[in-house]
Protein backbone atom coordinates (compact mmCIF):
# COMPACT_ATOMS: atom_id res chain seq x y z
CA MET A 1 -14.86 -12.29 -38.70
CA THR A 2 -11.96 -11.93 -41.08
CA SER A 3 -11.91 -13.01 -44.67
CA THR A 4 -8.87 -14.36 -46.42
CA ALA A 5 -8.87 -14.25 -50.21
CA THR A 6 -6.70 -16.65 -52.11
CA THR A 7 -5.36 -15.70 -55.50
CA THR A 8 -3.60 -17.94 -57.90
CA ALA A 9 -1.16 -16.49 -60.35
CA THR A 10 -1.88 -17.16 -63.99
CA PRO A 11 1.27 -17.78 -65.97
CA THR A 12 1.98 -15.37 -68.79
CA ARG A 13 2.47 -17.41 -71.93
CA THR A 14 3.78 -15.72 -75.05
CA THR A 15 4.02 -17.17 -78.55
CA TRP A 16 6.98 -16.23 -80.73
CA THR A 17 7.56 -17.17 -84.38
CA ILE A 18 10.94 -17.70 -86.00
CA ASP A 19 11.99 -14.97 -88.43
CA PRO A 20 13.72 -17.03 -91.15
CA ALA A 21 15.38 -13.96 -92.68
CA HIS A 22 17.27 -13.35 -89.45
CA SER A 23 17.85 -16.93 -88.26
CA GLN A 24 20.51 -19.50 -89.07
CA VAL A 25 20.74 -23.26 -88.67
CA GLU A 26 24.28 -24.45 -89.29
CA PHE A 27 26.23 -27.69 -89.01
CA ALA A 28 29.82 -28.89 -89.17
CA VAL A 29 31.21 -32.36 -89.89
CA ARG A 30 34.73 -33.76 -90.30
CA HIS A 31 35.91 -34.30 -93.87
CA LEU A 32 38.82 -36.57 -94.84
CA MET A 33 39.64 -36.78 -91.11
CA ILE A 34 41.59 -33.50 -91.38
CA THR A 35 39.14 -30.60 -91.63
CA LYS A 36 35.49 -29.64 -91.22
CA VAL A 37 32.85 -28.94 -93.81
CA ARG A 38 30.25 -26.42 -92.73
CA GLY A 39 26.79 -25.99 -94.09
CA ARG A 40 23.46 -24.43 -93.34
CA PHE A 41 19.75 -24.79 -93.91
CA THR A 42 18.04 -21.58 -95.02
CA GLY A 43 14.46 -22.84 -94.75
CA VAL A 44 13.60 -22.74 -91.06
CA LYS A 45 10.27 -22.01 -89.41
CA GLY A 46 8.67 -22.66 -86.08
CA THR A 47 7.36 -21.35 -82.80
CA LEU A 48 8.46 -20.86 -79.24
CA VAL A 49 5.93 -20.56 -76.45
CA THR A 50 7.46 -19.01 -73.34
CA ASP A 51 6.19 -18.66 -69.81
CA GLU A 52 7.83 -15.79 -67.95
CA ALA A 53 6.89 -17.27 -64.57
CA ASP A 54 8.07 -20.82 -65.29
CA SER A 55 10.53 -21.40 -68.13
CA THR A 56 10.23 -25.17 -67.64
CA THR A 57 6.82 -25.07 -69.33
CA SER A 58 8.18 -23.41 -72.48
CA GLN A 59 7.68 -25.26 -75.76
CA VAL A 60 9.72 -25.26 -78.96
CA ASP A 61 8.61 -26.56 -82.35
CA VAL A 62 10.97 -26.16 -85.33
CA VAL A 63 10.70 -27.42 -88.93
CA ILE A 64 13.63 -27.26 -91.36
CA ASP A 65 13.27 -27.67 -95.12
CA VAL A 66 16.05 -30.11 -96.03
CA SER A 67 16.03 -29.02 -99.68
CA THR A 68 17.49 -25.67 -98.56
CA ILE A 69 20.81 -27.25 -97.53
CA ASP A 70 23.78 -25.14 -98.61
CA THR A 71 27.42 -26.19 -98.22
CA ARG A 72 28.66 -23.78 -100.93
CA GLU A 73 29.23 -26.73 -103.27
CA PRO A 74 26.27 -27.62 -105.54
CA GLN A 75 27.50 -31.15 -106.30
CA ARG A 76 27.90 -31.94 -102.58
CA ASP A 77 24.49 -30.40 -101.83
CA ALA A 78 22.90 -32.64 -104.49
CA HIS A 79 24.58 -35.69 -102.93
CA LEU A 80 23.36 -34.70 -99.46
CA LYS A 81 19.78 -34.42 -100.81
CA SER A 82 20.00 -37.86 -102.44
CA PRO A 83 18.97 -41.21 -100.90
CA ASP A 84 22.62 -41.67 -99.78
CA PHE A 85 21.99 -39.06 -97.06
CA PHE A 86 18.81 -37.06 -96.36
CA ASP A 87 16.65 -38.51 -99.18
CA VAL A 88 14.75 -35.24 -99.60
CA GLU A 89 12.09 -36.82 -101.84
CA LYS A 90 11.06 -39.17 -99.02
CA TYR A 91 11.98 -37.05 -95.98
CA PRO A 92 11.63 -33.35 -96.92
CA THR A 93 11.91 -31.93 -93.39
CA LEU A 94 13.88 -32.15 -90.17
CA THR A 95 11.84 -31.45 -87.05
CA PHE A 96 12.50 -30.69 -83.40
CA LYS A 97 9.76 -30.71 -80.77
CA SER A 98 10.70 -30.01 -77.18
CA THR A 99 9.64 -32.35 -74.38
CA ARG A 100 11.13 -30.52 -71.40
CA VAL A 101 13.09 -27.40 -70.47
CA THR A 102 15.38 -26.97 -67.48
CA GLY A 103 17.00 -23.80 -66.20
CA ALA A 104 15.93 -20.41 -64.91
CA PRO A 105 14.39 -17.64 -67.07
CA GLY A 106 17.04 -15.35 -68.52
CA ASP A 107 19.81 -17.86 -67.85
CA ARG A 108 21.21 -20.71 -69.84
CA LEU A 109 18.63 -23.40 -70.50
CA THR A 110 18.68 -27.00 -71.58
CA VAL A 111 15.92 -27.82 -74.03
CA VAL A 112 15.39 -31.54 -74.49
CA GLY A 113 13.24 -32.79 -77.32
CA ASP A 114 12.62 -35.15 -80.17
CA LEU A 115 14.75 -34.53 -83.26
CA THR A 116 13.55 -36.30 -86.40
CA ILE A 117 15.94 -36.69 -89.32
CA HIS A 118 15.54 -39.11 -92.22
CA GLY A 119 12.41 -40.57 -90.58
CA VAL A 120 14.25 -41.46 -87.36
CA THR A 121 13.43 -39.74 -84.07
CA ARG A 122 15.93 -39.47 -81.21
CA GLU A 123 15.99 -37.42 -78.05
CA VAL A 124 18.60 -34.65 -78.05
CA ALA A 125 19.51 -31.87 -75.63
CA LEU A 126 20.17 -28.32 -76.82
CA ASP A 127 22.25 -25.91 -74.75
CA VAL A 128 20.34 -22.64 -75.14
CA THR A 129 21.34 -19.07 -74.34
CA SER A 130 18.97 -16.13 -74.40
CA GLU A 131 20.61 -13.35 -76.40
CA GLY A 132 18.11 -10.71 -75.27
CA ARG A 133 15.03 -8.86 -76.44
CA ALA A 134 14.49 -5.63 -78.35
CA LYS A 135 11.81 -3.54 -80.00
CA ASP A 136 12.09 -3.41 -83.77
CA PRO A 137 11.50 -0.22 -85.83
CA TRP A 138 8.01 -1.44 -86.80
CA GLY A 139 6.68 -1.73 -83.23
CA GLY A 140 7.24 -5.45 -82.81
CA GLU A 141 9.14 -7.19 -80.05
CA ARG A 142 11.95 -9.57 -80.94
CA ALA A 143 13.92 -12.13 -78.96
CA GLY A 144 17.16 -13.86 -79.80
CA TYR A 145 18.33 -17.32 -78.78
CA SER A 146 21.38 -19.37 -79.65
CA ALA A 147 21.58 -23.13 -79.22
CA THR A 148 24.12 -25.89 -79.79
CA THR A 149 24.18 -29.66 -79.74
CA LYS A 150 26.07 -32.60 -81.21
CA ILE A 151 24.58 -35.72 -82.74
CA ASN A 152 25.85 -38.90 -84.35
CA ARG A 153 24.51 -38.97 -87.90
CA ARG A 154 24.39 -42.79 -87.89
CA ASP A 155 21.82 -42.65 -85.08
CA PHE A 156 19.49 -41.12 -87.68
CA GLY A 157 20.17 -43.58 -90.49
CA LEU A 158 22.64 -41.32 -92.33
CA ASN A 159 25.15 -44.12 -92.88
CA TRP A 160 26.76 -43.43 -96.26
CA ASN A 161 30.53 -43.18 -96.12
CA GLN A 162 33.65 -44.08 -98.02
CA ALA A 163 36.77 -45.67 -96.55
CA LEU A 164 40.00 -43.81 -97.18
CA GLU A 165 43.07 -45.54 -98.54
CA THR A 166 45.12 -44.11 -95.67
CA GLY A 167 42.61 -45.23 -93.02
CA GLY A 168 39.55 -43.58 -91.61
CA PHE A 169 36.52 -42.38 -93.52
CA LEU A 170 35.56 -39.55 -95.86
CA VAL A 171 32.77 -38.20 -93.61
CA GLY A 172 32.85 -38.03 -89.82
CA ASP A 173 29.98 -39.34 -87.72
CA GLU A 174 29.69 -36.47 -85.23
CA ILE A 175 27.71 -33.47 -86.40
CA ALA A 176 27.93 -30.17 -84.50
CA ILE A 177 24.72 -28.17 -84.85
CA SER A 178 24.24 -24.50 -84.01
CA LEU A 179 21.15 -22.35 -84.22
CA ASP A 180 20.90 -18.58 -84.03
CA LEU A 181 17.22 -17.70 -83.97
CA GLU A 182 15.49 -14.36 -84.03
CA LEU A 183 11.84 -14.57 -83.04
CA LEU A 184 8.94 -12.15 -83.35
CA ARG A 185 6.39 -11.89 -80.57
CA GLN A 186 2.86 -12.66 -81.77
């Protein structure tokens, strides 16, 4: 009589937290139809749960403090925080929560999730690249990821604009978003 044992592999799930001191969330939007204005949010936090065996079960949860917007122009930043745009008093955060991940571990991934801005939630896809892993001098393990996407600000209720005398509008509708995140393994 022979015995056959069946083993099932248990996925290895790891939780990572965003290191805000070494992470950037940036955006770019057309201004006056001729150039781009770039800005960033310095208040970012969140987690990434990875599964080495199956990257499609990974989960991302990011929260951005809208009051930390910085376009290097205080008057513009104040306008962006006002009810004309983000309405920080009413909607203090932007959030992203993944719903699915496609791609192979270590390769480029597509992370699809719900992005909430100004109280409006829309599905967006982020093109994500793993930038690698390293040990830090304090014995921790760190991972880096970069991600990009484009959204239409009007889809999120950010409708303020001003028509230009020469045609077109002061602020473009398409927003390019890029994230460079450094995460610490928990």
